[in-house]
Protein backbone atom coordinates (compact mmCIF):
# COMPACT_ATOMS: atom_id res chain seq x y z
CA LEU A 1 -55.24 -18.72 -16.91
CA GLY A 2 -53.66 -20.93 -19.53
CA GLU A 3 -55.75 -19.96 -22.51
CA VAL A 4 -54.95 -16.03 -21.77
CA THR A 5 -50.98 -16.56 -21.21
CA GLY A 6 -50.44 -18.96 -23.85
CA GLY A 7 -49.25 -21.88 -21.52
CA ASP A 8 -46.44 -19.70 -19.86
CA PRO A 9 -45.78 -20.70 -16.37
CA ARG A 10 -44.04 -17.46 -15.37
CA LEU A 11 -46.93 -15.33 -17.17
CA ALA A 12 -49.75 -17.18 -15.39
CA GLN A 13 -47.79 -16.85 -12.14
CA GLU A 14 -47.32 -13.15 -12.60
CA LEU A 15 -51.21 -12.93 -13.57
CA ARG A 16 -52.14 -14.95 -10.49
CA GLY A 17 -50.38 -12.67 -8.24
CA THR A 18 -52.17 -9.62 -9.83
CA LEU A 19 -55.55 -10.82 -9.57
CA ILE A 20 -55.05 -11.93 -5.81
CA GLU A 21 -53.82 -8.64 -5.13
CA PHE A 22 -56.97 -6.81 -7.24
CA PHE A 23 -59.65 -8.94 -5.19
CA ALA A 24 -57.82 -8.93 -1.85
CA ALA A 25 -58.14 -5.28 -2.41
CA ILE A 26 -61.73 -5.05 -2.97
CA GLY A 27 -62.32 -7.49 0.30
CA VAL A 28 -60.21 -4.88 2.28
CA SER A 29 -62.35 -2.13 0.99
CA LEU A 30 -65.74 -4.05 1.68
CA PHE A 31 -64.93 -4.97 4.98
CA LEU A 32 -63.64 -1.53 6.06
CA TYR A 33 -66.46 -0.02 4.46
CA PHE A 34 -69.28 -2.00 6.64
CA VAL A 35 -67.24 -2.04 10.11
CA PHE A 36 -66.28 1.80 9.91
CA LEU A 37 -68.75 3.73 6.88
CA ARG A 38 -71.91 1.94 6.70
CA GLU A 39 -73.73 4.54 9.10
CA THR A 40 -72.02 7.18 7.07
CA ARG A 41 -73.46 8.63 3.57
CA VAL A 42 -70.63 7.11 1.11
CA THR A 43 -71.31 8.11 -2.66
CA PRO A 44 -69.78 5.47 -5.43
CA GLY A 45 -67.16 8.11 -6.04
CA ASP A 46 -66.09 8.33 -2.60
CA PHE A 47 -65.90 4.19 -2.66
CA SER A 48 -63.88 4.39 -5.95
CA GLN A 49 -61.29 6.83 -4.39
CA PHE A 50 -61.04 4.76 -1.26
CA PHE A 51 -60.71 1.83 -3.21
CA GLY A 52 -57.97 3.16 -5.63
CA SER A 53 -56.04 4.44 -2.40
CA ILE A 54 -56.10 0.44 -0.87
CA LEU A 55 -54.38 -0.51 -4.34
CA LEU A 56 -52.07 2.49 -3.98
CA MET A 57 -51.11 1.52 -0.49
CA TYR A 58 -50.88 -1.96 -1.26
CA PRO A 59 -47.10 -2.23 -3.29
CA SER A 60 -45.78 -0.04 -0.48
CA LEU A 61 -46.96 -2.17 2.30
CA LYS A 62 -45.80 -5.28 0.48
CA SER A 63 -42.40 -3.60 -0.24
CA LEU A 64 -41.96 -3.21 3.76
CA SER A 65 -43.01 -6.71 4.43
CA ARG A 66 -40.11 -7.90 2.02
CA LEU A 67 -37.70 -5.26 3.52
CA TYR A 68 -38.43 -6.43 7.49
CA SER A 69 -37.51 -10.04 5.83
CA GLN A 70 -34.54 -8.58 4.35
CA ILE A 71 -33.49 -6.86 7.43
CA ALA A 72 -33.65 -10.30 9.58
CA GLN A 73 -31.62 -11.69 6.85
CA ALA A 74 -28.77 -9.44 7.15
CA ARG A 75 -28.97 -9.48 11.10
CA ALA A 76 -28.26 -12.95 10.96
CA ALA A 77 -25.57 -12.57 8.42
CA SER A 78 -23.82 -9.52 10.18
CA GLN A 79 -23.65 -11.57 13.39
CA ARG A 80 -21.50 -14.14 11.81
CA ILE A 81 -19.46 -11.22 10.07
CA PHE A 82 -18.91 -9.75 13.53
CA GLU A 83 -17.89 -13.21 15.17
CA LEU A 84 -15.29 -13.50 12.56
CA LEU A 85 -14.04 -9.96 12.87
CA GLU A 86 -13.76 -10.09 16.73
CA THR A 87 -12.07 -13.73 16.44
CA GLN A 88 -8.24 -13.74 17.41
CA ASN A 89 -5.34 -14.50 15.32
CA ALA A 90 -3.44 -17.21 17.07
CA ILE A 91 -0.38 -16.26 15.04
CA ARG A 92 1.74 -13.67 16.93
CA GLU A 93 3.69 -10.72 15.00
CA PRO A 94 7.34 -10.52 15.74
CA ALA A 95 8.01 -7.69 17.99
CA ARG A 96 10.93 -6.52 15.70
CA PRO A 97 10.20 -8.28 12.55
CA VAL A 98 13.61 -9.07 10.22
CA PRO A 99 13.58 -8.32 6.41
CA LEU A 100 13.20 -11.74 4.55
CA GLN A 101 15.65 -12.36 1.72
CA ALA A 102 13.67 -15.06 0.22
CA THR A 103 15.20 -15.14 -3.67
CA GLY A 104 18.13 -17.49 -3.86
CA SER A 105 17.15 -19.12 -0.20
CA PRO A 106 16.46 -22.58 0.17
CA ILE A 107 13.44 -23.64 2.56
CA HIS A 108 14.24 -25.63 5.55
CA PHE A 109 11.84 -27.56 7.66
CA ASP A 110 13.67 -28.53 10.73
CA ASP A 111 12.32 -31.62 12.98
CA ILE A 112 8.41 -29.85 12.43
CA HIS A 113 6.31 -31.67 14.67
CA PHE A 114 2.42 -30.25 14.56
CA SER A 115 -1.30 -31.45 15.91
CA TYR A 116 -4.46 -30.43 15.59
CA GLY A 117 -5.93 -30.53 19.08
CA ASP A 118 -5.03 -34.29 19.97
CA LYS A 119 -4.62 -35.38 16.44
CA LEU A 120 -0.83 -35.62 15.62
CA VAL A 121 -0.54 -34.67 12.05
CA LEU A 122 3.47 -34.22 11.56
CA GLN A 123 6.18 -35.99 13.32
CA GLY A 124 9.80 -35.12 12.82
CA ILE A 125 9.77 -33.44 9.19
CA GLN A 126 13.09 -32.73 7.91
CA LEU A 127 12.98 -31.50 4.56
CA THR A 128 15.12 -28.98 2.60
CA VAL A 129 13.79 -27.35 -0.52
CA GLU A 130 16.79 -26.02 -2.66
CA SER A 131 16.50 -22.47 -4.40
CA GLY A 132 15.05 -22.89 -7.91
CA THR A 133 13.89 -26.59 -7.45
CA MET A 134 10.65 -28.25 -7.35
CA VAL A 135 9.92 -30.56 -4.60
CA ALA A 136 6.44 -32.77 -5.10
CA LEU A 137 4.72 -33.97 -1.93
CA VAL A 138 2.85 -37.00 -2.58
CA GLY A 139 0.84 -39.64 -0.08
CA ALA A 140 -2.53 -40.69 1.21
CA SER A 141 -5.29 -38.26 2.23
CA GLY A 142 -4.46 -36.71 5.72
CA SER A 143 -0.91 -37.58 5.21
CA GLY A 144 0.23 -34.01 6.35
CA LYS A 145 0.90 -32.70 2.57
CA THR A 146 -1.51 -29.78 2.88
CA THR A 147 -0.53 -29.21 6.62
CA LEU A 148 3.08 -28.57 5.63
CA THR A 149 2.30 -25.85 3.13
CA ASN A 150 0.12 -24.10 5.49
CA LEU A 151 3.19 -23.83 8.09
CA LEU A 152 5.04 -22.22 5.40
CA LEU A 153 2.37 -19.54 5.08
CA ARG A 154 2.35 -19.21 8.80
CA PHE A 155 -1.29 -20.50 9.19
CA TYR A 156 -0.18 -22.17 11.83
CA ASP A 157 2.87 -22.75 13.73
CA PRO A 158 4.79 -25.76 14.50
CA GLN A 159 4.39 -27.02 18.11
CA LYS A 160 8.14 -28.34 17.72
CA GLY A 161 10.61 -27.26 15.43
CA ALA A 162 11.04 -24.34 13.25
CA VAL A 163 10.59 -23.38 9.36
CA ARG A 164 13.25 -21.40 7.61
CA ILE A 165 14.06 -19.41 4.49
CA GLY A 166 17.56 -19.24 4.16
CA ASP A 167 18.97 -18.31 7.67
CA THR A 168 15.58 -16.44 8.79
CA ASP A 169 12.89 -18.35 10.79
CA ILE A 170 9.80 -17.20 9.35
CA ARG A 171 8.46 -16.32 12.92
CA ASP A 172 10.84 -13.66 12.64
CA VAL A 173 8.80 -12.12 9.77
CA THR A 174 5.64 -10.22 9.74
CA THR A 175 3.23 -12.41 7.87
CA ARG A 176 2.50 -9.56 5.43
CA ASP A 177 5.96 -9.68 4.29
CA LEU A 178 6.36 -13.48 4.00
CA ARG A 179 2.98 -14.20 2.15
CA ALA A 180 4.15 -11.39 -0.23
CA ARG A 181 6.77 -13.99 -1.19
CA ILE A 182 4.64 -16.77 -1.95
CA ALA A 183 2.60 -17.40 -4.79
CA VAL A 184 -0.31 -20.02 -4.15
CA VAL A 185 -2.38 -21.75 -6.48
CA THR A 186 -5.02 -24.59 -5.41
CA GLN A 187 -7.63 -26.59 -6.57
CA GLU A 188 -10.47 -24.17 -5.98
CA THR A 189 -9.70 -20.88 -7.26
CA ILE A 190 -10.88 -17.76 -5.48
CA LEU A 191 -12.38 -15.49 -8.16
CA PHE A 192 -14.84 -12.53 -7.63
CA ASN A 193 -17.94 -11.19 -9.64
CA ASP A 194 -15.38 -9.05 -11.48
CA THR A 195 -13.92 -8.47 -14.74
CA ILE A 196 -10.96 -10.86 -16.13
CA ARG A 197 -8.50 -7.83 -15.72
CA ASN A 198 -9.46 -7.08 -12.05
CA ASN A 199 -9.56 -10.71 -10.96
CA ILE A 200 -5.66 -11.04 -12.47
CA ALA A 201 -4.80 -7.77 -11.04
CA LEU A 202 -5.22 -9.37 -7.55
CA GLY A 203 -2.03 -10.66 -7.91
CA ARG A 204 -0.12 -7.35 -7.88
CA PRO A 205 -2.56 -4.30 -7.20
CA GLY A 206 -1.29 -1.37 -9.09
CA ALA A 207 -0.28 -3.56 -12.06
CA ASN A 208 -0.90 -2.02 -15.69
CA ASN A 209 -2.89 -3.16 -18.40
CA GLY A 210 0.29 -4.31 -20.28
CA GLU A 211 1.66 -6.17 -17.34
CA ILE A 212 -1.50 -7.66 -16.36
CA GLU A 213 -1.91 -8.99 -20.35
CA GLU A 214 1.44 -9.92 -20.43
CA ALA A 215 0.70 -12.41 -17.42
CA GLY A 216 -2.36 -13.73 -19.21
CA LYS A 217 -0.01 -14.65 -22.27
CA HIS A 218 2.54 -16.37 -20.07
CA ALA A 219 -0.47 -18.57 -18.50
CA PHE A 220 -1.59 -19.35 -21.76
CA ALA A 221 -5.27 -17.66 -21.11
CA HIS A 222 -4.74 -14.78 -23.43
CA GLU A 223 -6.49 -16.13 -26.32
CA PHE A 224 -9.35 -17.31 -24.40
CA ILE A 225 -10.03 -14.20 -22.88
CA LEU A 226 -9.88 -12.28 -26.23
CA GLU A 227 -12.50 -14.77 -27.59
CA LYS A 228 -14.83 -13.39 -24.46
CA PRO A 229 -17.44 -10.84 -25.53
CA ASN A 230 -15.36 -7.92 -23.91
CA GLY A 231 -12.09 -9.82 -23.46
CA TYR A 232 -10.20 -8.35 -20.36
CA GLU A 233 -13.26 -6.58 -19.73
CA THR A 234 -15.65 -9.44 -19.16
CA VAL A 235 -17.45 -9.79 -15.94
CA ILE A 236 -16.91 -13.82 -14.97
CA GLY A 237 -19.50 -13.93 -12.36
CA GLU A 238 -19.34 -14.96 -8.81
CA LYS A 239 -16.71 -17.68 -8.54
CA GLY A 240 -16.23 -17.31 -12.08
CA VAL A 241 -18.98 -19.27 -12.86
CA MET A 242 -19.13 -17.97 -16.50
CA LEU A 243 -15.51 -19.92 -16.93
CA SER A 244 -14.65 -23.56 -17.19
CA GLY A 245 -12.62 -25.17 -14.98
CA GLY A 246 -9.45 -24.87 -16.70
CA GLN A 247 -10.01 -21.38 -17.80
CA ARG A 248 -10.52 -20.59 -13.91
CA GLN A 249 -7.18 -22.31 -12.86
CA ARG A 250 -5.39 -20.49 -16.04
CA ILE A 251 -6.37 -17.43 -14.28
CA ALA A 252 -5.36 -18.19 -11.22
CA ILE A 253 -1.98 -18.94 -12.51
CA ALA A 254 -1.95 -15.75 -14.80
CA ARG A 255 -2.40 -13.64 -10.91
CA ALA A 256 0.40 -15.89 -9.72
CA ILE A 257 2.39 -14.92 -12.66
CA LEU A 258 1.94 -11.08 -11.88
CA LYS A 259 2.80 -11.46 -8.34
CA ASN A 260 6.20 -12.94 -9.30
CA ALA A 261 6.95 -14.04 -6.15
CA PRO A 262 10.16 -16.18 -5.75
CA ILE A 263 8.26 -19.17 -3.91
CA LEU A 264 5.19 -21.18 -5.35
CA VAL A 265 3.16 -23.79 -3.72
CA LEU A 266 0.64 -25.53 -5.88
CA ASP A 267 -1.77 -27.30 -3.93
CA GLU A 268 -3.55 -30.15 -6.21
CA ALA A 269 -3.84 -27.38 -8.90
CA THR A 270 -4.78 -30.04 -11.70
CA SER A 271 -6.90 -32.45 -9.79
CA ALA A 272 -10.24 -31.30 -10.52
CA LEU A 273 -9.82 -31.08 -14.24
CA ASP A 274 -10.15 -33.35 -17.33
CA THR A 275 -7.35 -34.44 -19.61
CA GLU A 276 -7.55 -31.84 -22.11
CA SER A 277 -7.67 -28.80 -19.52
CA GLU A 278 -5.17 -30.46 -17.61
CA ARG A 279 -2.79 -30.32 -20.63
CA ALA A 280 -3.54 -26.56 -21.10
CA VAL A 281 -2.95 -25.75 -17.45
CA GLN A 282 -0.02 -28.06 -17.02
CA ALA A 283 1.59 -26.21 -19.97
CA ALA A 284 0.68 -23.06 -18.18
CA LEU A 285 2.20 -24.33 -14.61
CA GLU A 286 5.45 -25.27 -16.27
CA GLU A 287 5.69 -21.51 -17.61
CA LEU A 288 5.00 -20.24 -14.09
CA MET A 289 7.53 -22.88 -11.93
CA ILE A 290 10.85 -21.35 -14.26
CA GLY A 291 13.39 -19.96 -12.21
CA ARG A 292 11.13 -20.33 -8.79
CA THR A 293 11.26 -22.52 -5.78
CA THR A 294 8.42 -24.38 -6.15
CA ILE A 295 6.56 -26.82 -3.65
CA CYS A 296 4.03 -28.98 -5.57
CA ILE A 297 1.07 -30.74 -3.66
CA ALA A 298 -0.36 -33.69 -6.20
CA HIS A 299 -2.84 -36.05 -6.41
CA ARG A 300 -2.07 -37.50 -9.91
CA LEU A 301 1.36 -38.58 -10.14
CA SER A 302 1.82 -37.89 -13.78
CA THR A 303 1.89 -34.35 -12.72
CA VAL A 304 5.31 -34.64 -10.79
CA GLN A 305 7.52 -37.06 -12.66
CA ARG A 306 9.94 -34.53 -13.81
CA ALA A 307 10.37 -33.00 -9.99
CA ASP A 308 13.78 -32.68 -8.81
CA LEU A 309 12.44 -34.46 -5.59
CA ILE A 310 9.46 -36.40 -4.80
CA VAL A 311 8.65 -36.87 -1.16
CA VAL A 312 6.46 -39.42 0.43
CA LEU A 313 4.24 -38.82 3.18
CA ASP A 314 2.51 -41.20 5.27
CA GLN A 315 0.88 -41.02 8.58
CA GLY A 316 2.60 -37.37 9.17
CA ARG A 317 6.16 -39.03 8.13
CA ILE A 318 8.48 -38.89 5.74
CA VAL A 319 8.74 -42.51 4.48
CA GLU A 320 10.55 -41.98 0.87
CA ALA A 321 12.25 -39.41 -0.91
CA GLY A 322 13.98 -39.19 -4.46
CA LYS A 323 13.35 -38.96 -8.09
CA HIS A 324 10.93 -40.81 -9.99
CA THR A 325 12.77 -43.33 -11.63
CA GLU A 326 14.52 -44.08 -8.08
CA LEU A 327 11.39 -44.46 -6.20
CA LEU A 328 9.74 -46.94 -8.76
CA LYS A 329 12.83 -49.12 -8.41
CA ARG A 330 12.80 -49.09 -4.32
CA GLY A 331 9.33 -50.74 -4.85
CA GLY A 332 8.18 -49.02 -1.73
CA VAL A 333 4.97 -47.00 -0.86
CA TYR A 334 5.45 -44.76 -4.18
CA GLN A 335 5.52 -47.82 -6.45
CA LYS A 336 2.29 -48.47 -4.93
CA LEU A 337 0.58 -45.39 -5.26
CA TYR A 338 2.05 -45.34 -8.98
CA GLU A 339 0.87 -48.50 -9.99
CA LEU A 340 -2.62 -48.29 -8.06
CA GLN A 341 -3.00 -45.24 -10.62
CA PHE A 342 -2.36 -46.02 -13.64
CA GLN A 343 -3.31 -49.65 -13.12
CA SER A 344 -6.94 -48.02 -12.89
């Protein structure tokens, strides 16, 4: 086969499969002939016709076996999907929801206690994020940073205490209304096997092309998008595999800009990027944060030095809070984290 195919392994495999099917058809034909047709008069033409019928039937039988395998896989997948659809939402919607005025309102975390099962994650968190300011949450892994923002988004409710926006307890607001007021940019950007335009448009369904491209410009994504083969109509593959990490993040930022929500949550938005990509994404984030109340979770302390307030969490408690220079002078947990990062 190697000489016939010129050493091409894929062509050799295809040829091998064809030969196997051909000789299998001959074998089946001979078997059926000797078992069922040996006593009858069969001409060479009859045998050729019978052999040809076997060859014609084989692809259909092969497709049927593949279809059975696909049905079995689909059945297993559908069971998982139905289990998810039947899961009861632990978050209860208010019986009489109130409207939420998020623009210009501070965010209050009032004596928040929260645990996952028996594991206490947040203890007595008392924090106010003033409107239009940037508050950075820093601390070791497992200190409760992401959990705090999950409570703001009402993925969970605290066992004790309340999260308020302005004077409104977020439990008195529908989750749809609440989440419409909050834009989120995370480390893992969720992108779909669709065009760049449609991925950005998820931030605000119904936005026109001009608004989508304007969001791309503010996210410093417009130039690299135009360099793609089909510009904004370029399909980026499952999870955005056709884009680099920095490009994926800028698409996510463009989506958040298009949403134009008054509250912004940034969860390790630059932690997985190289230095050059981080610079471009950080510029886009600074554009996004203008005029918005921002809660930023960061591992790289270089990204939060200009925050209006840095809150240091340790084992579910606030142990320090202040500006970058103030916290360095105190010589506490923040200074140790800073020295560990910049010495390494």
